Amino acid sequence: IGTYGGAFLSGTAPFSYEASVREAYVEN
């Protein structure tokens, strides 16, 4: 049970759902 509602994200911990959405959806 994590801060980001269990979202599984690849990359270096700590995982950030908002940062990943910003990079993938907002900037791509």
PDB file of all heavy atoms in Angstrom:
ATOM      1  N   ILE A   1       0.870  -1.180   0.000  1.00  0.00           N
ATOM      2  CA  ILE A   1       0.000   0.000   0.000  1.00  0.00           C
ATOM      3  C   ILE A   1       0.900   1.220   0.000  1.00  0.00           C
ATOM      4  O   ILE A   1       1.478   1.591   1.024  1.00  0.00           O
ATOM      5  CB  ILE A   1      -0.931   0.007   1.227  1.00  0.00           C
ATOM      6  CG1 ILE A   1      -1.765  -1.267   1.248  1.00  0.00           C
ATOM      7  CG2 ILE A   1      -1.813   1.226   1.230  1.00  0.00           C
ATOM      8  CD1 ILE A   1      -2.663  -1.388   2.445  1.00  0.00           C
ATOM      9  N   GLY A   2       1.035   1.847  -1.150  1.00  0.00           N
ATOM     10  CA  GLY A   2       1.943   2.972  -1.301  1.00  0.00           C
ATOM     11  C   GLY A   2       1.228   4.291  -1.427  1.00  0.00           C
ATOM     12  O   GLY A   2       0.012   4.389  -1.358  1.00  0.00           O
ATOM     13  N   THR A   3       2.018   5.328  -1.604  1.00  0.00           N
ATOM     14  CA  THR A   3       1.470   6.673  -1.706  1.00  0.00           C
ATOM     15  C   THR A   3       0.692   6.866  -2.985  1.00  0.00           C
ATOM     16  O   THR A   3      -0.238   7.669  -3.039  1.00  0.00           O
ATOM     17  CB  THR A   3       2.622   7.695  -1.639  1.00  0.00           C
ATOM     18  OG1 THR A   3       3.399   7.426  -0.461  1.00  0.00           O
ATOM     19  CG2 THR A   3       2.089   9.111  -1.562  1.00  0.00           C
ATOM     20  N   TYR A   4       1.014   6.126  -4.021  1.00  0.00           N
ATOM     21  CA  TYR A   4       0.428   6.370  -5.328  1.00  0.00           C
ATOM     22  C   TYR A   4      -0.600   5.318  -5.709  1.00  0.00           C
ATOM     23  O   TYR A   4      -0.782   4.999  -6.860  1.00  0.00           O
ATOM     24  CB  TYR A   4       1.539   6.464  -6.379  1.00  0.00           C
ATOM     25  CG  TYR A   4       2.520   7.552  -6.053  1.00  0.00           C
ATOM     26  CD1 TYR A   4       3.744   7.256  -5.474  1.00  0.00           C
ATOM     27  CD2 TYR A   4       2.182   8.883  -6.262  1.00  0.00           C
ATOM     28  CE1 TYR A   4       4.622   8.271  -5.141  1.00  0.00           C
ATOM     29  CE2 TYR A   4       3.077   9.890  -5.928  1.00  0.00           C
ATOM     30  CZ  TYR A   4       4.285   9.578  -5.370  1.00  0.00           C
ATOM     31  OH  TYR A   4       5.155  10.574  -5.045  1.00  0.00           O
ATOM     32  N   GLY A   5      -1.286   4.779  -4.734  1.00  0.00           N
ATOM     33  CA  GLY A   5      -2.412   3.910  -5.029  1.00  0.00           C
ATOM     34  C   GLY A   5      -2.037   2.615  -5.719  1.00  0.00           C
ATOM     35  O   GLY A   5      -2.818   2.074  -6.481  1.00  0.00           O
ATOM     36  N   GLY A   6      -0.847   2.102  -5.455  1.00  0.00           N
ATOM     37  CA  GLY A   6      -0.484   0.808  -6.000  1.00  0.00           C
ATOM     38  C   GLY A   6      -0.073   0.815  -7.450  1.00  0.00           C
ATOM     39  O   GLY A   6       0.072  -0.230  -8.051  1.00  0.00           O
ATOM     40  N   ALA A   7       0.102   1.982  -8.065  1.00  0.00           N
ATOM     41  CA  ALA A   7       0.507   2.022  -9.466  1.00  0.00           C
ATOM     42  C   ALA A   7       1.909   1.469  -9.616  1.00  0.00           C
ATOM     43  O   ALA A   7       2.825   1.873  -8.913  1.00  0.00           O
ATOM     44  CB  ALA A   7       0.446   3.453  -9.995  1.00  0.00           C
ATOM     45  N   PHE A   8       2.086   0.531 -10.525  1.00  0.00           N
ATOM     46  CA  PHE A   8       3.399  -0.069 -10.764  1.00  0.00           C
ATOM     47  C   PHE A   8       4.089   0.725 -11.865  1.00  0.00           C
ATOM     48  O   PHE A   8       3.612   0.803 -12.987  1.00  0.00           O
ATOM     49  CB  PHE A   8       3.259  -1.525 -11.166  1.00  0.00           C
ATOM     50  CG  PHE A   8       4.577  -2.175 -11.499  1.00  0.00           C
ATOM     51  CD1 PHE A   8       5.409  -2.633 -10.504  1.00  0.00           C
ATOM     52  CD2 PHE A   8       4.973  -2.303 -12.816  1.00  0.00           C
ATOM     53  CE1 PHE A   8       6.618  -3.216 -10.817  1.00  0.00           C
ATOM     54  CE2 PHE A   8       6.186  -2.886 -13.129  1.00  0.00           C
ATOM     55  CZ  PHE A   8       7.002  -3.345 -12.118  1.00  0.00           C
ATOM     56  N   LEU A   9       5.204   1.328 -11.525  1.00  0.00           N
ATOM     57  CA  LEU A   9       5.943   2.126 -12.490  1.00  0.00           C
ATOM     58  C   LEU A   9       7.380   1.647 -12.522  1.00  0.00           C
ATOM     59  O   LEU A   9       7.966   1.331 -11.480  1.00  0.00           O
ATOM     60  CB  LEU A   9       5.908   3.617 -12.124  1.00  0.00           C
ATOM     61  CG  LEU A   9       4.512   4.225 -11.989  1.00  0.00           C
ATOM     62  CD1 LEU A   9       4.612   5.638 -11.459  1.00  0.00           C
ATOM     63  CD2 LEU A   9       3.788   4.206 -13.318  1.00  0.00           C
ATOM     64  N   SER A  10       7.935   1.590 -13.727  1.00  0.00           N
ATOM     65  CA  SER A  10       9.333   1.206 -13.843  1.00  0.00           C
ATOM     66  C   SER A  10      10.208   2.426 -13.638  1.00  0.00           C
ATOM     67  O   SER A  10       9.785   3.553 -13.841  1.00  0.00           O
ATOM     68  CB  SER A  10       9.598   0.606 -15.229  1.00  0.00           C
ATOM     69  OG  SER A  10       9.307   1.539 -16.244  1.00  0.00           O
ATOM     70  N   GLY A  11      11.419   2.200 -13.245  1.00  0.00           N
ATOM     71  CA  GLY A  11      12.328   3.308 -13.023  1.00  0.00           C
ATOM     72  C   GLY A  11      12.959   3.205 -11.645  1.00  0.00           C
ATOM     73  O   GLY A  11      12.880   2.197 -10.953  1.00  0.00           O
ATOM     74  N   THR A  12      13.614   4.271 -11.231  1.00  0.00           N
ATOM     75  CA  THR A  12      14.308   4.305  -9.956  1.00  0.00           C
ATOM     76  C   THR A  12      13.358   4.750  -8.858  1.00  0.00           C
ATOM     77  O   THR A  12      12.632   5.728  -9.014  1.00  0.00           O
ATOM     78  CB  THR A  12      15.508   5.262 -10.037  1.00  0.00           C
ATOM     79  OG1 THR A  12      16.341   4.861 -11.131  1.00  0.00           O
ATOM     80  CG2 THR A  12      16.320   5.212  -8.763  1.00  0.00           C
ATOM     81  N   ALA A  13      13.327   4.047  -7.759  1.00  0.00           N
ATOM     82  CA  ALA A  13      12.487   4.410  -6.621  1.00  0.00           C
ATOM     83  C   ALA A  13      13.009   5.718  -6.003  1.00  0.00           C
ATOM     84  O   ALA A  13      14.200   6.023  -6.074  1.00  0.00           O
ATOM     85  CB  ALA A  13      12.487   3.289  -5.595  1.00  0.00           C
ATOM     86  N   PRO A  14      12.167   6.535  -5.384  1.00  0.00           N
ATOM     87  CA  PRO A  14      10.739   6.299  -5.173  1.00  0.00           C
ATOM     88  C   PRO A  14       9.931   6.584  -6.433  1.00  0.00           C
ATOM     89  O   PRO A  14      10.259   7.482  -7.201  1.00  0.00           O
ATOM     90  CB  PRO A  14      10.383   7.290  -4.062  1.00  0.00           C
ATOM     91  CG  PRO A  14      11.348   8.407  -4.249  1.00  0.00           C
ATOM     92  CD  PRO A  14      12.626   7.769  -4.740  1.00  0.00           C
ATOM     93  N   PHE A  15       8.875   5.797  -6.645  1.00  0.00           N
ATOM     94  CA  PHE A  15       8.053   5.954  -7.819  1.00  0.00           C
ATOM     95  C   PHE A  15       7.131   7.156  -7.656  1.00  0.00           C
ATOM     96  O   PHE A  15       6.609   7.410  -6.575  1.00  0.00           O
ATOM     97  CB  PHE A  15       7.233   4.690  -8.070  1.00  0.00           C
ATOM     98  CG  PHE A  15       8.072   3.457  -8.175  1.00  0.00           C
ATOM     99  CD1 PHE A  15       7.857   2.380  -7.343  1.00  0.00           C
ATOM    100  CD2 PHE A  15       9.094   3.374  -9.101  1.00  0.00           C
ATOM    101  CE1 PHE A  15       8.637   1.247  -7.424  1.00  0.00           C
ATOM    102  CE2 PHE A  15       9.871   2.249  -9.203  1.00  0.00           C
ATOM    103  CZ  PHE A  15       9.650   1.178  -8.359  1.00  0.00           C
ATOM    104  N   SER A  16       6.889   7.859  -8.720  1.00  0.00           N
ATOM    105  CA  SER A  16       6.003   9.014  -8.708  1.00  0.00           C
ATOM    106  C   SER A  16       5.051   8.884  -9.883  1.00  0.00           C
ATOM    107  O   SER A  16       5.455   9.006 -11.040  1.00  0.00           O
ATOM    108  CB  SER A  16       6.810  10.320  -8.805  1.00  0.00           C
ATOM    109  OG  SER A  16       5.944  11.420  -8.935  1.00  0.00           O
ATOM    110  N   TYR A  17       3.782   8.653  -9.576  1.00  0.00           N
ATOM    111  CA  TYR A  17       2.785   8.534 -10.636  1.00  0.00           C
ATOM    112  C   TYR A  17       2.589   9.874 -11.326  1.00  0.00           C
ATOM    113  O   TYR A  17       2.481   9.940 -12.561  1.00  0.00           O
ATOM    114  CB  TYR A  17       1.478   8.032 -10.035  1.00  0.00           C
ATOM    115  CG  TYR A  17       0.325   7.999 -11.014  1.00  0.00           C
ATOM    116  CD1 TYR A  17       0.277   7.048 -12.029  1.00  0.00           C
ATOM    117  CD2 TYR A  17      -0.705   8.921 -10.928  1.00  0.00           C
ATOM    118  CE1 TYR A  17      -0.767   7.019 -12.931  1.00  0.00           C
ATOM    119  CE2 TYR A  17      -1.758   8.903 -11.826  1.00  0.00           C
ATOM    120  CZ  TYR A  17      -1.787   7.943 -12.822  1.00  0.00           C
ATOM    121  OH  TYR A  17      -2.830   7.929 -13.711  1.00  0.00           O
ATOM    122  N   GLU A  18       2.540  10.955 -10.560  1.00  0.00           N
ATOM    123  CA  GLU A  18       2.334  12.278 -11.154  1.00  0.00           C
ATOM    124  C   GLU A  18       3.479  12.644 -12.091  1.00  0.00           C
ATOM    125  O   GLU A  18       3.255  13.187 -13.178  1.00  0.00           O
ATOM    126  CB  GLU A  18       2.189  13.328 -10.060  1.00  0.00           C
ATOM    127  CG  GLU A  18       0.921  13.192  -9.220  1.00  0.00           C
ATOM    128  CD  GLU A  18       0.764  14.324  -8.240  1.00  0.00           C
ATOM    129  OE1 GLU A  18       1.635  15.226  -8.246  1.00  0.00           O
ATOM    130  OE2 GLU A  18      -0.206  14.318  -7.462  1.00  0.00           O
ATOM    131  N   ALA A  19       4.713  12.352 -11.692  1.00  0.00           N
ATOM    132  CA  ALA A  19       5.855  12.658 -12.555  1.00  0.00           C
ATOM    133  C   ALA A  19       5.820  11.825 -13.823  1.00  0.00           C
ATOM    134  O   ALA A  19       6.131  12.325 -14.913  1.00  0.00           O
ATOM    135  CB  ALA A  19       7.162  12.422 -11.797  1.00  0.00           C
ATOM    136  N   SER A  20       5.434  10.558 -13.716  1.00  0.00           N
ATOM    137  CA  SER A  20       5.359   9.704 -14.898  1.00  0.00           C
ATOM    138  C   SER A  20       4.246  10.149 -15.838  1.00  0.00           C
ATOM    139  O   SER A  20       4.415  10.137 -17.055  1.00  0.00           O
ATOM    140  CB  SER A  20       5.144   8.249 -14.472  1.00  0.00           C
ATOM    141  OG  SER A  20       6.228   7.785 -13.701  1.00  0.00           O
ATOM    142  N   VAL A  21       3.101  10.554 -15.277  1.00  0.00           N
ATOM    143  CA  VAL A  21       2.023  11.060 -16.113  1.00  0.00           C
ATOM    144  C   VAL A  21       2.433  12.358 -16.793  1.00  0.00           C
ATOM    145  O   VAL A  21       2.120  12.598 -17.969  1.00  0.00           O
ATOM    146  CB  VAL A  21       0.747  11.269 -15.264  1.00  0.00           C
ATOM    147  CG1 VAL A  21      -0.289  12.062 -16.029  1.00  0.00           C
ATOM    148  CG2 VAL A  21       0.165   9.927 -14.858  1.00  0.00           C
ATOM    149  N   ARG A  22       3.163  13.195 -16.073  1.00  0.00           N
ATOM    150  CA  ARG A  22       3.615  14.458 -16.661  1.00  0.00           C
ATOM    151  C   ARG A  22       4.557  14.207 -17.830  1.00  0.00           C
ATOM    152  O   ARG A  22       4.474  14.869 -18.869  1.00  0.00           O
ATOM    153  CB  ARG A  22       4.303  15.310 -15.597  1.00  0.00           C
ATOM    154  CG  ARG A  22       4.642  16.731 -16.056  1.00  0.00           C
ATOM    155  CD  ARG A  22       5.316  17.522 -14.951  1.00  0.00           C
ATOM    156  NE  ARG A  22       4.523  17.525 -13.743  1.00  0.00           N
ATOM    157  CZ  ARG A  22       4.861  16.878 -12.632  1.00  0.00           C
ATOM    158  NH1 ARG A  22       5.996  16.172 -12.603  1.00  0.00           N
ATOM    159  NH2 ARG A  22       4.102  16.927 -11.571  1.00  0.00           N
ATOM    160  N   GLU A  23       5.453  13.238 -17.682  1.00  0.00           N
ATOM    161  CA  GLU A  23       6.412  12.954 -18.752  1.00  0.00           C
ATOM    162  C   GLU A  23       5.753  12.242 -19.927  1.00  0.00           C
ATOM    163  O   GLU A  23       6.076  12.511 -21.082  1.00  0.00           O
ATOM    164  CB  GLU A  23       7.561  12.106 -18.204  1.00  0.00           C
ATOM    165  CG  GLU A  23       8.648  11.822 -19.235  1.00  0.00           C
ATOM    166  CD  GLU A  23       9.831  11.090 -18.649  1.00  0.00           C
ATOM    167  OE1 GLU A  23       9.773  10.748 -17.444  1.00  0.00           O
ATOM    168  OE2 GLU A  23      10.804  10.858 -19.380  1.00  0.00           O
ATOM    169  N   ALA A  24       4.820  11.323 -19.639  1.00  0.00           N
ATOM    170  CA  ALA A  24       4.232  10.513 -20.706  1.00  0.00           C
ATOM    171  C   ALA A  24       3.037  11.181 -21.353  1.00  0.00           C
ATOM    172  O   ALA A  24       2.907  11.181 -22.575  1.00  0.00           O
ATOM    173  CB  ALA A  24       3.820   9.145 -20.152  1.00  0.00           C
ATOM    174  N   TYR A  25       2.138  11.756 -20.548  1.00  0.00           N
ATOM    175  CA  TYR A  25       0.894  12.293 -21.107  1.00  0.00           C
ATOM    176  C   TYR A  25       0.997  13.781 -21.425  1.00  0.00           C
ATOM    177  O   TYR A  25       0.535  14.231 -22.465  1.00  0.00           O
ATOM    178  CB  TYR A  25      -0.257  12.059 -20.129  1.00  0.00           C
ATOM    179  CG  TYR A  25      -1.610  12.385 -20.702  1.00  0.00           C
ATOM    180  CD1 TYR A  25      -2.294  11.452 -21.480  1.00  0.00           C
ATOM    181  CD2 TYR A  25      -2.208  13.611 -20.472  1.00  0.00           C
ATOM    182  CE1 TYR A  25      -3.538  11.745 -22.015  1.00  0.00           C
ATOM    183  CE2 TYR A  25      -3.446  13.914 -21.009  1.00  0.00           C
ATOM    184  CZ  TYR A  25      -4.111  12.980 -21.768  1.00  0.00           C
ATOM    185  OH  TYR A  25      -5.330  13.281 -22.317  1.00  0.00           O
ATOM    186  N   VAL A  26       1.615  14.549 -20.543  1.00  0.00           N
ATOM    187  CA  VAL A  26       1.676  16.001 -20.728  1.00  0.00           C
ATOM    188  C   VAL A  26       2.745  16.382 -21.741  1.00  0.00           C
ATOM    189  O   VAL A  26       2.533  17.272 -22.574  1.00  0.00           O
ATOM    190  CB  VAL A  26       1.924  16.706 -19.378  1.00  0.00           C
ATOM    191  CG1 VAL A  26       2.029  18.215 -19.564  1.00  0.00           C
ATOM    192  CG2 VAL A  26       0.813  16.370 -18.388  1.00  0.00           C
ATOM    193  N   GLU A  27       3.897  15.708 -21.705  1.00  0.00           N
ATOM    194  CA  GLU A  27       5.035  16.132 -22.514  1.00  0.00           C
ATOM    195  C   GLU A  27       5.288  15.251 -23.728  1.00  0.00           C
ATOM    196  O   GLU A  27       6.187  15.561 -24.512  1.00  0.00           O
ATOM    197  CB  GLU A  27       6.301  16.162 -21.642  1.00  0.00           C
ATOM    198  CG  GLU A  27       6.210  17.111 -20.457  1.00  0.00           C
ATOM    199  CD  GLU A  27       7.444  17.078 -19.591  1.00  0.00           C
ATOM    200  OE1 GLU A  27       8.360  16.291 -19.916  1.00  0.00           O
ATOM    201  OE2 GLU A  27       7.504  17.808 -18.591  1.00  0.00           O
ATOM    202  N   ASN A  28       4.539  14.187 -23.902  1.00  0.00           N
ATOM    203  CA  ASN A  28       4.774  13.279 -25.026  1.00  0.00           C
ATOM    204  C   ASN A  28       3.532  13.223 -25.898  1.00  0.00           C
ATOM    205  O   ASN A  28       2.462  12.786 -25.441  1.00  0.00           O
ATOM    206  CB  ASN A  28       5.143  11.875 -24.528  1.00  0.00           C
ATOM    207  CG  ASN A  28       5.623  10.974 -25.643  1.00  0.00           C
ATOM    208  OD1 ASN A  28       4.826  10.377 -26.354  1.00  0.00           O
ATOM    209  ND2 ASN A  28       6.939  10.880 -25.812  1.00  0.00           N
TER     210      ASN A  28
END
